[in-house]
Amino acid sequence: MADRVFVQGLELYCVIGLQPWERQVMQKVRLDLAMETDTRPAGAADDPSRALDYKAVSKRVQQLVEGSSFQLVEALAERIAATVLTEFPAAAAVFVRVAKPGAVRFSEAVGVEIERRREPVP
């Protein structure tokens, strides 16, 4: 399946990092999500109820991120991917990019990109 629904440049704040000062402040993270899904039924019928609801995904991810307190962007990305796959059955796979702006001097951002696929039902 090549269809994807995406959310790009979602900027949220959370506690993230290893340093003691990072555990005391909210820092900005920038997220990109792409969910593999079959868009044909929604597109053919022009029916929102048959589409993967990117607004609902965005709200859920926002809730998760803003309530989180991870040390690693890797852990945050894993939790986001697991949540999307668990709570949004129309998503067959999810790509998550977590960027942490300003984390390394002279860089725009650092981060991680992961892709996770729903486990097949035995």
C-alpha atoms as a PDB file:
ATOM      1  CA  MET A   1       0.000   0.000   0.000  1.00  0.00           C
ATOM      2  CA  ALA A   2       1.435   3.369  -0.977  1.00  0.00           C
ATOM      3  CA  ASP A   3      -1.225   5.706   0.467  1.00  0.00           C
ATOM      4  CA  ARG A   4      -0.210   7.849   3.422  1.00  0.00           C
ATOM      5  CA  VAL A   5      -1.897  10.453   5.577  1.00  0.00           C
ATOM      6  CA  PHE A   6       0.614  12.873   7.087  1.00  0.00           C
ATOM      7  CA  VAL A   7       0.990  15.570   9.712  1.00  0.00           C
ATOM      8  CA  GLN A   8       4.059  17.729   9.196  1.00  0.00           C
ATOM      9  CA  GLY A   9       5.769  20.159  11.548  1.00  0.00           C
ATOM     10  CA  LEU A  10       3.679  19.591  14.673  1.00  0.00           C
ATOM     11  CA  GLU A  11       5.440  21.712  17.329  1.00  0.00           C
ATOM     12  CA  LEU A  12       4.847  20.673  20.913  1.00  0.00           C
ATOM     13  CA  TYR A  13       6.522  21.118  24.299  1.00  0.00           C
ATOM     14  CA  CYS A  14       7.571  18.418  26.739  1.00  0.00           C
ATOM     15  CA  VAL A  15      10.192  17.449  29.292  1.00  0.00           C
ATOM     16  CA  ILE A  16      12.911  15.649  27.343  1.00  0.00           C
ATOM     17  CA  GLY A  17      16.644  15.198  27.801  1.00  0.00           C
ATOM     18  CA  LEU A  18      19.372  13.796  29.988  1.00  0.00           C
ATOM     19  CA  GLN A  19      20.795  16.868  31.657  1.00  0.00           C
ATOM     20  CA  PRO A  20      19.404  17.917  35.051  1.00  0.00           C
ATOM     21  CA  TRP A  21      18.338  21.308  33.711  1.00  0.00           C
ATOM     22  CA  GLU A  22      16.445  19.556  30.874  1.00  0.00           C
ATOM     23  CA  ARG A  23      14.353  17.683  33.430  1.00  0.00           C
ATOM     24  CA  GLN A  24      13.140  21.019  34.839  1.00  0.00           C
ATOM     25  CA  VAL A  25      11.888  22.789  31.690  1.00  0.00           C
ATOM     26  CA  MET A  26       9.556  22.191  28.796  1.00  0.00           C
ATOM     27  CA  GLN A  27      11.422  22.023  25.499  1.00  0.00           C
ATOM     28  CA  LYS A  28      10.122  22.243  21.971  1.00  0.00           C
ATOM     29  CA  VAL A  29       9.999  19.149  19.794  1.00  0.00           C
ATOM     30  CA  ARG A  30       8.937  19.107  16.153  1.00  0.00           C
ATOM     31  CA  LEU A  31       7.089  16.047  14.892  1.00  0.00           C
ATOM     32  CA  ASP A  32       6.352  14.660  11.457  1.00  0.00           C
ATOM     33  CA  LEU A  33       3.975  11.713  11.161  1.00  0.00           C
ATOM     34  CA  ALA A  34       2.989   9.630   8.157  1.00  0.00           C
ATOM     35  CA  MET A  35       0.454   6.843   8.506  1.00  0.00           C
ATOM     36  CA  GLU A  36       0.073   4.163   5.877  1.00  0.00           C
ATOM     37  CA  THR A  37      -3.616   3.628   5.167  1.00  0.00           C
ATOM     38  CA  ASP A  38      -5.913   2.850   2.272  1.00  0.00           C
ATOM     39  CA  THR A  39      -7.352   6.226   1.228  1.00  0.00           C
ATOM     40  CA  ARG A  40      -9.416   4.809  -1.658  1.00  0.00           C
ATOM     41  CA  PRO A  41     -12.700   4.235   0.242  1.00  0.00           C
ATOM     42  CA  ALA A  42     -12.729   7.780   1.648  1.00  0.00           C
ATOM     43  CA  GLY A  43     -11.616   9.310  -1.638  1.00  0.00           C
ATOM     44  CA  ALA A  44     -14.124   7.419  -3.757  1.00  0.00           C
ATOM     45  CA  ALA A  45     -17.059   8.252  -1.472  1.00  0.00           C
ATOM     46  CA  ASP A  46     -15.843  11.717  -0.385  1.00  0.00           C
ATOM     47  CA  ASP A  47     -16.804  10.494   3.080  1.00  0.00           C
ATOM     48  CA  PRO A  48     -14.853  11.733   6.126  1.00  0.00           C
ATOM     49  CA  SER A  49     -16.059   8.797   8.237  1.00  0.00           C
ATOM     50  CA  ARG A  50     -14.074   6.466   5.957  1.00  0.00           C
ATOM     51  CA  ALA A  51     -10.816   8.436   6.310  1.00  0.00           C
ATOM     52  CA  LEU A  52      -8.031   8.212   8.865  1.00  0.00           C
ATOM     53  CA  ASP A  53      -8.713  11.288  10.994  1.00  0.00           C
ATOM     54  CA  TYR A  54      -5.443  13.247  11.048  1.00  0.00           C
ATOM     55  CA  LYS A  55      -6.932  15.786  13.457  1.00  0.00           C
ATOM     56  CA  ALA A  56      -7.754  13.038  15.970  1.00  0.00           C
ATOM     57  CA  VAL A  57      -4.256  11.574  15.549  1.00  0.00           C
ATOM     58  CA  SER A  58      -2.695  15.011  16.075  1.00  0.00           C
ATOM     59  CA  LYS A  59      -4.743  15.679  19.218  1.00  0.00           C
ATOM     60  CA  ARG A  60      -3.852  12.284  20.688  1.00  0.00           C
ATOM     61  CA  VAL A  61      -0.154  12.742  19.934  1.00  0.00           C
ATOM     62  CA  GLN A  62      -0.269  16.232  21.451  1.00  0.00           C
ATOM     63  CA  GLN A  63      -1.839  14.834  24.621  1.00  0.00           C
ATOM     64  CA  LEU A  64       0.792  12.110  24.822  1.00  0.00           C
ATOM     65  CA  VAL A  65       3.788  14.368  24.163  1.00  0.00           C
ATOM     66  CA  GLU A  66       2.758  17.220  26.456  1.00  0.00           C
ATOM     67  CA  GLY A  67       2.205  14.774  29.310  1.00  0.00           C
ATOM     68  CA  SER A  68       5.457  12.894  28.774  1.00  0.00           C
ATOM     69  CA  SER A  69       8.853  13.027  30.446  1.00  0.00           C
ATOM     70  CA  PHE A  70      11.373  10.999  28.436  1.00  0.00           C
ATOM     71  CA  GLN A  71      15.133  11.176  28.475  1.00  0.00           C
ATOM     72  CA  LEU A  72      15.544  10.122  24.848  1.00  0.00           C
ATOM     73  CA  VAL A  73      13.866  11.221  21.625  1.00  0.00           C
ATOM     74  CA  GLU A  74      14.041   7.530  20.665  1.00  0.00           C
ATOM     75  CA  ALA A  75      11.733   6.637  23.557  1.00  0.00           C
ATOM     76  CA  LEU A  76       9.310   9.425  22.665  1.00  0.00           C
ATOM     77  CA  ALA A  77       9.199   8.271  19.034  1.00  0.00           C
ATOM     78  CA  GLU A  78       8.551   4.658  20.074  1.00  0.00           C
ATOM     79  CA  ARG A  79       5.690   5.679  22.351  1.00  0.00           C
ATOM     80  CA  ILE A  80       4.114   7.829  19.633  1.00  0.00           C
ATOM     81  CA  ALA A  81       4.333   4.984  17.098  1.00  0.00           C
ATOM     82  CA  ALA A  82       2.863   2.449  19.523  1.00  0.00           C
ATOM     83  CA  THR A  83       0.006   4.782  20.418  1.00  0.00           C
ATOM     84  CA  VAL A  84      -0.918   5.482  16.798  1.00  0.00           C
ATOM     85  CA  LEU A  85      -0.873   1.795  15.877  1.00  0.00           C
ATOM     86  CA  THR A  86      -2.851   0.804  18.962  1.00  0.00           C
ATOM     87  CA  GLU A  87      -5.485   3.522  18.922  1.00  0.00           C
ATOM     88  CA  PHE A  88      -6.004   4.083  15.183  1.00  0.00           C
ATOM     89  CA  PRO A  89      -6.768   0.732  13.517  1.00  0.00           C
ATOM     90  CA  ALA A  90      -6.845   2.262  10.012  1.00  0.00           C
ATOM     91  CA  ALA A  91      -3.088   2.924  10.273  1.00  0.00           C
ATOM     92  CA  ALA A  92      -1.233  -0.124   8.950  1.00  0.00           C
ATOM     93  CA  ALA A  93       2.141   1.497   9.599  1.00  0.00           C
ATOM     94  CA  VAL A  94       3.464   4.760  10.970  1.00  0.00           C
ATOM     95  CA  PHE A  95       6.548   6.859  10.296  1.00  0.00           C
ATOM     96  CA  VAL A  96       7.558   9.167  13.156  1.00  0.00           C
ATOM     97  CA  ARG A  97      10.208  11.878  13.024  1.00  0.00           C
ATOM     98  CA  VAL A  98      11.055  13.627  16.289  1.00  0.00           C
ATOM     99  CA  ALA A  99      13.333  16.651  16.033  1.00  0.00           C
ATOM    100  CA  LYS A 100      14.712  18.552  18.991  1.00  0.00           C
ATOM    101  CA  PRO A 101      15.622  22.066  17.808  1.00  0.00           C
ATOM    102  CA  GLY A 102      18.726  23.660  19.283  1.00  0.00           C
ATOM    103  CA  ALA A 103      19.949  20.517  21.019  1.00  0.00           C
ATOM    104  CA  VAL A 104      23.373  20.658  19.375  1.00  0.00           C
ATOM    105  CA  ARG A 105      25.225  23.896  18.896  1.00  0.00           C
ATOM    106  CA  PHE A 106      25.334  25.114  15.277  1.00  0.00           C
ATOM    107  CA  SER A 107      22.594  22.683  14.196  1.00  0.00           C
ATOM    108  CA  GLU A 108      18.997  23.430  13.379  1.00  0.00           C
ATOM    109  CA  ALA A 109      17.830  20.257  15.128  1.00  0.00           C
ATOM    110  CA  VAL A 110      18.739  16.698  16.028  1.00  0.00           C
ATOM    111  CA  GLY A 111      16.426  13.754  16.329  1.00  0.00           C
ATOM    112  CA  VAL A 112      15.326  10.353  15.203  1.00  0.00           C
ATOM    113  CA  GLU A 113      13.139   8.825  12.489  1.00  0.00           C
ATOM    114  CA  ILE A 114      11.434   5.473  12.949  1.00  0.00           C
ATOM    115  CA  GLU A 115       8.928   3.405  11.026  1.00  0.00           C
ATOM    116  CA  ARG A 116       6.774   0.784  12.707  1.00  0.00           C
ATOM    117  CA  ARG A 117       4.249  -1.601  11.202  1.00  0.00           C
ATOM    118  CA  ARG A 118       1.215  -3.187  12.808  1.00  0.00           C
ATOM    119  CA  GLU A 119       1.924  -6.764  13.818  1.00  0.00           C
ATOM    120  CA  PRO A 120      -0.046  -9.283  11.741  1.00  0.00           C
ATOM    121  CA  VAL A 121      -2.873 -11.022  13.568  1.00  0.00           C
ATOM    122  CA  PRO A 122      -2.066 -14.757  13.868  1.00  0.00           C
END
